[in-house]
Amino acid sequence: EMRFIAEIDVMPHKELLDPQGKTVGKNMHHIGIEGVSDVRIGKHIQMIIEASNESSARQEVEKACQKILTNPIMEGYTYVLTAQ
């Protein structure tokens, strides 16, 4: 068995409204931050996976992302997988 770390970023689809990001973006100037035109807020997930090889680890990450870590209707994901 090999050990892998998956660093997963989940973001709302660009076509959808991001109310939390919109609120943060609108309030940036209140704290002296200028020039921000768009803020989108997502989540970052780190998983440690034991698998026989990289391909198997990627399959597990894909399954986790598609079935439990994201809402595919509203969110997309990217990830980086590194062996430990």
PDB file of N, CA and C in Angstrom:
ATOM      1  N   GLU A   1       0.846  -1.195   0.000  1.00  0.00           N
ATOM      2  CA  GLU A   1       0.000   0.000   0.000  1.00  0.00           C
ATOM      3  C   GLU A   1       0.882   1.245   0.000  1.00  0.00           C
ATOM      4  N   MET A   2       0.436   2.226  -0.752  1.00  0.00           N
ATOM      5  CA  MET A   2       1.111   3.518  -0.795  1.00  0.00           C
ATOM      6  C   MET A   2       0.205   4.548  -0.125  1.00  0.00           C
ATOM      7  N   ARG A   3       0.814   5.607   0.331  1.00  0.00           N
ATOM      8  CA  ARG A   3       0.059   6.675   0.991  1.00  0.00           C
ATOM      9  C   ARG A   3       0.090   7.919   0.099  1.00  0.00           C
ATOM     10  N   PHE A   4      -1.074   8.495  -0.099  1.00  0.00           N
ATOM     11  CA  PHE A   4      -1.220   9.682  -0.937  1.00  0.00           C
ATOM     12  C   PHE A   4      -1.947  10.770  -0.160  1.00  0.00           C
ATOM     13  N   ILE A   5      -1.635  12.012  -0.508  1.00  0.00           N
ATOM     14  CA  ILE A   5      -2.394  13.142   0.026  1.00  0.00           C
ATOM     15  C   ILE A   5      -3.109  13.799  -1.145  1.00  0.00           C
ATOM     16  N   ALA A   6      -4.409  13.973  -1.000  1.00  0.00           N
ATOM     17  CA  ALA A   6      -5.209  14.674  -2.003  1.00  0.00           C
ATOM     18  C   ALA A   6      -5.552  16.048  -1.447  1.00  0.00           C
ATOM     19  N   GLU A   7      -5.206  17.082  -2.198  1.00  0.00           N
ATOM     20  CA  GLU A   7      -5.575  18.462  -1.868  1.00  0.00           C
ATOM     21  C   GLU A   7      -6.670  18.843  -2.858  1.00  0.00           C
ATOM     22  N   ILE A   8      -7.896  18.994  -2.357  1.00  0.00           N
ATOM     23  CA  ILE A   8      -9.074  19.169  -3.202  1.00  0.00           C
ATOM     24  C   ILE A   8      -9.630  20.579  -3.014  1.00  0.00           C
ATOM     25  N   ASP A   9      -9.888  21.264  -4.117  1.00  0.00           N
ATOM     26  CA  ASP A   9     -10.545  22.573  -4.086  1.00  0.00           C
ATOM     27  C   ASP A   9     -11.918  22.436  -4.716  1.00  0.00           C
ATOM     28  N   VAL A  10     -12.931  22.887  -3.986  1.00  0.00           N
ATOM     29  CA  VAL A  10     -14.314  22.848  -4.456  1.00  0.00           C
ATOM     30  C   VAL A  10     -14.792  24.287  -4.603  1.00  0.00           C
ATOM     31  N   MET A  11     -15.307  24.618  -5.775  1.00  0.00           N
ATOM     32  CA  MET A  11     -15.777  25.976  -6.036  1.00  0.00           C
ATOM     33  C   MET A  11     -17.165  25.935  -6.675  1.00  0.00           C
ATOM     34  N   PRO A  12     -17.970  26.966  -6.396  1.00  0.00           N
ATOM     35  CA  PRO A  12     -19.271  27.033  -7.083  1.00  0.00           C
ATOM     36  C   PRO A  12     -19.044  27.257  -8.580  1.00  0.00           C
ATOM     37  N   HIS A  13     -19.919  26.686  -9.402  1.00  0.00           N
ATOM     38  CA  HIS A  13     -19.834  26.902 -10.845  1.00  0.00           C
ATOM     39  C   HIS A  13     -19.901  28.397 -11.137  1.00  0.00           C
ATOM     40  N   LYS A  14     -19.120  28.833 -12.102  1.00  0.00           N
ATOM     41  CA  LYS A  14     -19.049  30.269 -12.428  1.00  0.00           C
ATOM     42  C   LYS A  14     -20.400  30.854 -12.841  1.00  0.00           C
ATOM     43  N   GLU A  15     -21.258  30.021 -13.436  1.00  0.00           N
ATOM     44  CA  GLU A  15     -22.553  30.531 -13.904  1.00  0.00           C
ATOM     45  C   GLU A  15     -23.514  30.823 -12.749  1.00  0.00           C
ATOM     46  N   LEU A  16     -23.230  30.273 -11.570  1.00  0.00           N
ATOM     47  CA  LEU A  16     -24.152  30.414 -10.447  1.00  0.00           C
ATOM     48  C   LEU A  16     -23.777  31.585  -9.553  1.00  0.00           C
ATOM     49  N   LEU A  17     -24.773  32.139  -8.909  1.00  0.00           N
ATOM     50  CA  LEU A  17     -24.519  33.200  -7.944  1.00  0.00           C
ATOM     51  C   LEU A  17     -23.760  32.635  -6.756  1.00  0.00           C
ATOM     52  N   ASP A  18     -22.866  33.439  -6.203  1.00  0.00           N
ATOM     53  CA  ASP A  18     -22.136  33.077  -4.993  1.00  0.00           C
ATOM     54  C   ASP A  18     -22.423  34.174  -3.967  1.00  0.00           C
ATOM     55  N   PRO A  19     -23.549  34.055  -3.230  1.00  0.00           N
ATOM     56  CA  PRO A  19     -23.954  35.127  -2.326  1.00  0.00           C
ATOM     57  C   PRO A  19     -22.890  35.472  -1.282  1.00  0.00           C
ATOM     58  N   GLN A  20     -22.221  34.466  -0.744  1.00  0.00           N
ATOM     59  CA  GLN A  20     -21.189  34.734   0.259  1.00  0.00           C
ATOM     60  C   GLN A  20     -20.029  35.520  -0.374  1.00  0.00           C
ATOM     61  N   GLY A  21     -19.595  35.096  -1.545  1.00  0.00           N
ATOM     62  CA  GLY A  21     -18.526  35.810  -2.242  1.00  0.00           C
ATOM     63  C   GLY A  21     -18.939  37.223  -2.606  1.00  0.00           C
ATOM     64  N   LYS A  22     -20.181  37.388  -3.053  1.00  0.00           N
ATOM     65  CA  LYS A  22     -20.693  38.710  -3.426  1.00  0.00           C
ATOM     66  C   LYS A  22     -20.665  39.644  -2.222  1.00  0.00           C
ATOM     67  N   THR A  23     -21.105  39.163  -1.065  1.00  0.00           N
ATOM     68  CA  THR A  23     -21.118  39.971   0.159  1.00  0.00           C
ATOM     69  C   THR A  23     -19.702  40.375   0.565  1.00  0.00           C
ATOM     70  N   VAL A  24     -18.789  39.425   0.541  1.00  0.00           N
ATOM     71  CA  VAL A  24     -17.397  39.731   0.902  1.00  0.00           C
ATOM     72  C   VAL A  24     -16.816  40.745  -0.086  1.00  0.00           C
ATOM     73  N   GLY A  25     -17.047  40.512  -1.369  1.00  0.00           N
ATOM     74  CA  GLY A  25     -16.535  41.422  -2.395  1.00  0.00           C
ATOM     75  C   GLY A  25     -17.053  42.844  -2.230  1.00  0.00           C
ATOM     76  N   LYS A  26     -18.348  42.985  -1.918  1.00  0.00           N
ATOM     77  CA  LYS A  26     -18.941  44.315  -1.753  1.00  0.00           C
ATOM     78  C   LYS A  26     -18.364  45.050  -0.555  1.00  0.00           C
ATOM     79  N   ASN A  27     -17.885  44.318   0.446  1.00  0.00           N
ATOM     80  CA  ASN A  27     -17.411  44.945   1.676  1.00  0.00           C
ATOM     81  C   ASN A  27     -15.904  45.138   1.733  1.00  0.00           C
ATOM     82  N   MET A  28     -15.171  44.738   0.714  1.00  0.00           N
ATOM     83  CA  MET A  28     -13.715  44.902   0.717  1.00  0.00           C
ATOM     84  C   MET A  28     -13.299  46.364   0.908  1.00  0.00           C
ATOM     85  N   HIS A  29     -14.016  47.282   0.241  1.00  0.00           N
ATOM     86  CA  HIS A  29     -13.601  48.690   0.345  1.00  0.00           C
ATOM     87  C   HIS A  29     -13.762  49.230   1.760  1.00  0.00           C
ATOM     88  N   HIS A  30     -14.623  48.619   2.567  1.00  0.00           N
ATOM     89  CA  HIS A  30     -14.803  49.059   3.957  1.00  0.00           C
ATOM     90  C   HIS A  30     -13.551  48.830   4.794  1.00  0.00           C
ATOM     91  N   ILE A  31     -12.708  47.886   4.369  1.00  0.00           N
ATOM     92  CA  ILE A  31     -11.479  47.636   5.130  1.00  0.00           C
ATOM     93  C   ILE A  31     -10.244  48.084   4.355  1.00  0.00           C
ATOM     94  N   GLY A  32     -10.475  48.929   3.351  1.00  0.00           N
ATOM     95  CA  GLY A  32      -9.358  49.550   2.641  1.00  0.00           C
ATOM     96  C   GLY A  32      -8.762  48.724   1.509  1.00  0.00           C
ATOM     97  N   ILE A  33      -9.475  47.719   1.057  1.00  0.00           N
ATOM     98  CA  ILE A  33      -8.986  46.915  -0.067  1.00  0.00           C
ATOM     99  C   ILE A  33      -9.738  47.356  -1.314  1.00  0.00           C
ATOM    100  N   GLU A  34      -8.987  47.861  -2.295  1.00  0.00           N
ATOM    101  CA  GLU A  34      -9.594  48.383  -3.522  1.00  0.00           C
ATOM    102  C   GLU A  34      -9.198  47.518  -4.714  1.00  0.00           C
ATOM    103  N   GLY A  35      -9.960  47.625  -5.774  1.00  0.00           N
ATOM    104  CA  GLY A  35      -9.611  46.958  -7.024  1.00  0.00           C
ATOM    105  C   GLY A  35     -10.063  45.507  -7.119  1.00  0.00           C
ATOM    106  N   VAL A  36     -10.833  45.026  -6.168  1.00  0.00           N
ATOM    107  CA  VAL A  36     -11.327  43.650  -6.223  1.00  0.00           C
ATOM    108  C   VAL A  36     -12.627  43.659  -7.018  1.00  0.00           C
ATOM    109  N   SER A  37     -12.666  42.900  -8.117  1.00  0.00           N
ATOM    110  CA  SER A  37     -13.864  42.927  -8.943  1.00  0.00           C
ATOM    111  C   SER A  37     -14.773  41.725  -8.705  1.00  0.00           C
ATOM    112  N   ASP A  38     -14.228  40.642  -8.198  1.00  0.00           N
ATOM    113  CA  ASP A  38     -15.064  39.462  -8.004  1.00  0.00           C
ATOM    114  C   ASP A  38     -14.456  38.587  -6.918  1.00  0.00           C
ATOM    115  N   VAL A  39     -15.287  38.086  -6.029  1.00  0.00           N
ATOM    116  CA  VAL A  39     -14.853  37.159  -4.997  1.00  0.00           C
ATOM    117  C   VAL A  39     -15.746  35.928  -5.096  1.00  0.00           C
ATOM    118  N   ARG A  40     -15.129  34.770  -5.139  1.00  0.00           N
ATOM    119  CA  ARG A  40     -15.861  33.513  -5.128  1.00  0.00           C
ATOM    120  C   ARG A  40     -15.303  32.698  -3.982  1.00  0.00           C
ATOM    121  N   ILE A  41     -16.164  32.113  -3.191  1.00  0.00           N
ATOM    122  CA  ILE A  41     -15.741  31.387  -2.004  1.00  0.00           C
ATOM    123  C   ILE A  41     -16.096  29.915  -2.154  1.00  0.00           C
ATOM    124  N   GLY A  42     -15.110  29.075  -1.892  1.00  0.00           N
ATOM    125  CA  GLY A  42     -15.291  27.633  -1.961  1.00  0.00           C
ATOM    126  C   GLY A  42     -14.747  26.984  -0.706  1.00  0.00           C
ATOM    127  N   LYS A  43     -14.281  25.752  -0.861  1.00  0.00           N
ATOM    128  CA  LYS A  43     -13.708  25.053   0.287  1.00  0.00           C
ATOM    129  C   LYS A  43     -12.503  24.244  -0.161  1.00  0.00           C
ATOM    130  N   HIS A  44     -11.605  24.014   0.780  1.00  0.00           N
ATOM    131  CA  HIS A  44     -10.403  23.218   0.535  1.00  0.00           C
ATOM    132  C   HIS A  44     -10.464  22.003   1.448  1.00  0.00           C
ATOM    133  N   ILE A  45     -10.228  20.840   0.887  1.00  0.00           N
ATOM    134  CA  ILE A  45     -10.303  19.582   1.638  1.00  0.00           C
ATOM    135  C   ILE A  45      -8.997  18.832   1.441  1.00  0.00           C
ATOM    136  N   GLN A  46      -8.458  18.302   2.519  1.00  0.00           N
ATOM    137  CA  GLN A  46      -7.268  17.457   2.434  1.00  0.00           C
ATOM    138  C   GLN A  46      -7.648  16.055   2.889  1.00  0.00           C
ATOM    139  N   MET A  47      -7.276  15.063   2.082  1.00  0.00           N
ATOM    140  CA  MET A  47      -7.549  13.659   2.424  1.00  0.00           C
ATOM    141  C   MET A  47      -6.258  12.866   2.323  1.00  0.00           C
ATOM    142  N   ILE A  48      -6.043  11.975   3.261  1.00  0.00           N
ATOM    143  CA  ILE A  48      -4.937  11.020   3.177  1.00  0.00           C
ATOM    144  C   ILE A  48      -5.544   9.682   2.773  1.00  0.00           C
ATOM    145  N   ILE A  49      -4.973   9.086   1.735  1.00  0.00           N
ATOM    146  CA  ILE A  49      -5.527   7.859   1.150  1.00  0.00           C
ATOM    147  C   ILE A  49      -4.452   6.785   1.102  1.00  0.00           C
ATOM    148  N   GLU A  50      -4.804   5.595   1.526  1.00  0.00           N
ATOM    149  CA  GLU A  50      -3.944   4.416   1.355  1.00  0.00           C
ATOM    150  C   GLU A  50      -4.468   3.670   0.129  1.00  0.00           C
ATOM    151  N   ALA A  51      -3.602   3.460  -0.855  1.00  0.00           N
ATOM    152  CA  ALA A  51      -4.021   2.770  -2.081  1.00  0.00           C
ATOM    153  C   ALA A  51      -2.837   2.014  -2.657  1.00  0.00           C
ATOM    154  N   SER A  52      -3.119   1.046  -3.505  1.00  0.00           N
ATOM    155  CA  SER A  52      -2.049   0.231  -4.073  1.00  0.00           C
ATOM    156  C   SER A  52      -1.227   0.982  -5.117  1.00  0.00           C
ATOM    157  N   ASN A  53      -1.851   1.998  -5.766  1.00  0.00           N
ATOM    158  CA  ASN A  53      -1.122   2.799  -6.757  1.00  0.00           C
ATOM    159  C   ASN A  53      -1.843   4.132  -6.969  1.00  0.00           C
ATOM    160  N   GLU A  54      -1.213   4.995  -7.774  1.00  0.00           N
ATOM    161  CA  GLU A  54      -1.778   6.328  -7.991  1.00  0.00           C
ATOM    162  C   GLU A  54      -3.136   6.262  -8.682  1.00  0.00           C
ATOM    163  N   SER A  55      -3.281   5.372  -9.624  1.00  0.00           N
ATOM    164  CA  SER A  55      -4.546   5.246 -10.341  1.00  0.00           C
ATOM    165  C   SER A  55      -5.692   4.897  -9.380  1.00  0.00           C
ATOM    166  N   SER A  56      -5.450   3.972  -8.481  1.00  0.00           N
ATOM    167  CA  SER A  56      -6.471   3.597  -7.491  1.00  0.00           C
ATOM    168  C   SER A  56      -6.785   4.757  -6.564  1.00  0.00           C
ATOM    169  N   ALA A  57      -5.766   5.490  -6.169  1.00  0.00           N
ATOM    170  CA  ALA A  57      -5.973   6.650  -5.295  1.00  0.00           C
ATOM    171  C   ALA A  57      -6.825   7.691  -6.013  1.00  0.00           C
ATOM    172  N   ARG A  58      -6.520   7.938  -7.297  1.00  0.00           N
ATOM    173  CA  ARG A  58      -7.309   8.916  -8.067  1.00  0.00           C
ATOM    174  C   ARG A  58      -8.769   8.480  -8.172  1.00  0.00           C
ATOM    175  N   GLN A  59      -9.003   7.188  -8.371  1.00  0.00           N
ATOM    176  CA  GLN A  59     -10.387   6.690  -8.437  1.00  0.00           C
ATOM    177  C   GLN A  59     -11.124   6.971  -7.131  1.00  0.00           C
ATOM    178  N   GLU A  60     -10.446   6.783  -6.015  1.00  0.00           N
ATOM    179  CA  GLU A  60     -11.083   7.037  -4.712  1.00  0.00           C
ATOM    180  C   GLU A  60     -11.378   8.519  -4.513  1.00  0.00           C
ATOM    181  N   VAL A  61     -10.447   9.381  -4.930  1.00  0.00           N
ATOM    182  CA  VAL A  61     -10.664  10.825  -4.818  1.00  0.00           C
ATOM    183  C   VAL A  61     -11.852  11.235  -5.677  1.00  0.00           C
ATOM    184  N   GLU A  62     -11.887  10.742  -6.920  1.00  0.00           N
ATOM    185  CA  GLU A  62     -13.004  11.068  -7.815  1.00  0.00           C
ATOM    186  C   GLU A  62     -14.339  10.628  -7.208  1.00  0.00           C
ATOM    187  N   LYS A  63     -14.363   9.415  -6.676  1.00  0.00           N
ATOM    188  CA  LYS A  63     -15.592   8.898  -6.074  1.00  0.00           C
ATOM    189  C   LYS A  63     -16.021   9.771  -4.895  1.00  0.00           C
ATOM    190  N   ALA A  64     -15.067  10.137  -4.039  1.00  0.00           N
ATOM    191  CA  ALA A  64     -15.384  10.977  -2.879  1.00  0.00           C
ATOM    192  C   ALA A  64     -15.909  12.332  -3.328  1.00  0.00           C
ATOM    193  N   CYS A  65     -15.257  12.923  -4.324  1.00  0.00           N
ATOM    194  CA  CYS A  65     -15.688  14.243  -4.805  1.00  0.00           C
ATOM    195  C   CYS A  65     -17.091  14.182  -5.400  1.00  0.00           C
ATOM    196  N   GLN A  66     -17.352  13.167  -6.190  1.00  0.00           N
ATOM    197  CA  GLN A  66     -18.635  13.071  -6.887  1.00  0.00           C
ATOM    198  C   GLN A  66     -19.784  12.668  -5.973  1.00  0.00           C
ATOM    199  N   LYS A  67     -19.500  11.880  -4.932  1.00  0.00           N
ATOM    200  CA  LYS A  67     -20.591  11.326  -4.122  1.00  0.00           C
ATOM    201  C   LYS A  67     -20.820  12.023  -2.788  1.00  0.00           C
ATOM    202  N   ILE A  68     -19.780  12.680  -2.221  1.00  0.00           N
ATOM    203  CA  ILE A  68     -19.985  13.238  -0.882  1.00  0.00           C
ATOM    204  C   ILE A  68     -19.396  14.638  -0.682  1.00  0.00           C
ATOM    205  N   LEU A  69     -18.307  14.977  -1.384  1.00  0.00           N
ATOM    206  CA  LEU A  69     -17.637  16.247  -1.100  1.00  0.00           C
ATOM    207  C   LEU A  69     -18.196  17.426  -1.879  1.00  0.00           C
ATOM    208  N   THR A  70     -18.909  17.155  -2.966  1.00  0.00           N
ATOM    209  CA  THR A  70     -19.455  18.257  -3.764  1.00  0.00           C
ATOM    210  C   THR A  70     -20.923  17.999  -4.090  1.00  0.00           C
ATOM    211  N   ASN A  71     -21.583  19.070  -4.435  1.00  0.00           N
ATOM    212  CA  ASN A  71     -22.908  18.991  -5.041  1.00  0.00           C
ATOM    213  C   ASN A  71     -22.673  19.276  -6.524  1.00  0.00           C
ATOM    214  N   PRO A  72     -22.628  18.245  -7.380  1.00  0.00           N
ATOM    215  CA  PRO A  72     -22.250  18.444  -8.788  1.00  0.00           C
ATOM    216  C   PRO A  72     -23.132  19.432  -9.547  1.00  0.00           C
ATOM    217  N   ILE A  73     -24.351  19.643  -9.078  1.00  0.00           N
ATOM    218  CA  ILE A  73     -25.241  20.604  -9.737  1.00  0.00           C
ATOM    219  C   ILE A  73     -24.720  22.031  -9.519  1.00  0.00           C
ATOM    220  N   MET A  74     -24.124  22.273  -8.351  1.00  0.00           N
ATOM    221  CA  MET A  74     -23.719  23.636  -7.997  1.00  0.00           C
ATOM    222  C   MET A  74     -22.209  23.857  -7.944  1.00  0.00           C
ATOM    223  N   GLU A  75     -21.434  22.769  -7.843  1.00  0.00           N
ATOM    224  CA  GLU A  75     -20.001  22.930  -7.596  1.00  0.00           C
ATOM    225  C   GLU A  75     -19.155  22.076  -8.539  1.00  0.00           C
ATOM    226  N   GLY A  76     -17.960  22.553  -8.778  1.00  0.00           N
ATOM    227  CA  GLY A  76     -16.953  21.788  -9.491  1.00  0.00           C
ATOM    228  C   GLY A  76     -15.758  21.594  -8.577  1.00  0.00           C
ATOM    229  N   TYR A  77     -14.825  20.745  -8.980  1.00  0.00           N
ATOM    230  CA  TYR A  77     -13.661  20.491  -8.133  1.00  0.00           C
ATOM    231  C   TYR A  77     -12.421  20.253  -8.978  1.00  0.00           C
ATOM    232  N   THR A  78     -11.292  20.525  -8.358  1.00  0.00           N
ATOM    233  CA  THR A  78      -9.989  20.164  -8.892  1.00  0.00           C
ATOM    234  C   THR A  78      -9.200  19.588  -7.730  1.00  0.00           C
ATOM    235  N   TYR A  79      -8.178  18.795  -8.050  1.00  0.00           N
ATOM    236  CA  TYR A  79      -7.350  18.274  -6.962  1.00  0.00           C
ATOM    237  C   TYR A  79      -5.938  17.984  -7.431  1.00  0.00           C
ATOM    238  N   VAL A  80      -5.045  17.963  -6.462  1.00  0.00           N
ATOM    239  CA  VAL A  80      -3.660  17.555  -6.682  1.00  0.00           C
ATOM    240  C   VAL A  80      -3.415  16.360  -5.784  1.00  0.00           C
ATOM    241  N   LEU A  81      -2.845  15.309  -6.343  1.00  0.00           N
ATOM    242  CA  LEU A  81      -2.561  14.091  -5.583  1.00  0.00           C
ATOM    243  C   LEU A  81      -1.053  13.917  -5.531  1.00  0.00           C
ATOM    244  N   THR A  82      -0.520  13.760  -4.322  1.00  0.00           N
ATOM    245  CA  THR A  82       0.919  13.552  -4.171  1.00  0.00           C
ATOM    246  C   THR A  82       1.171  12.309  -3.333  1.00  0.00           C
ATOM    247  N   ALA A  83       2.180  11.535  -3.717  1.00  0.00           N
ATOM    248  CA  ALA A  83       2.565  10.358  -2.958  1.00  0.00           C
ATOM    249  C   ALA A  83       3.374  10.796  -1.743  1.00  0.00           C
ATOM    250  N   GLN A  84       3.208  10.064  -0.656  1.00  0.00           N
ATOM    251  CA  GLN A  84       3.948  10.377   0.574  1.00  0.00           C
ATOM    252  C   GLN A  84       4.967   9.314   0.868  1.00  0.00           C
TER     253      GLN A  84
END
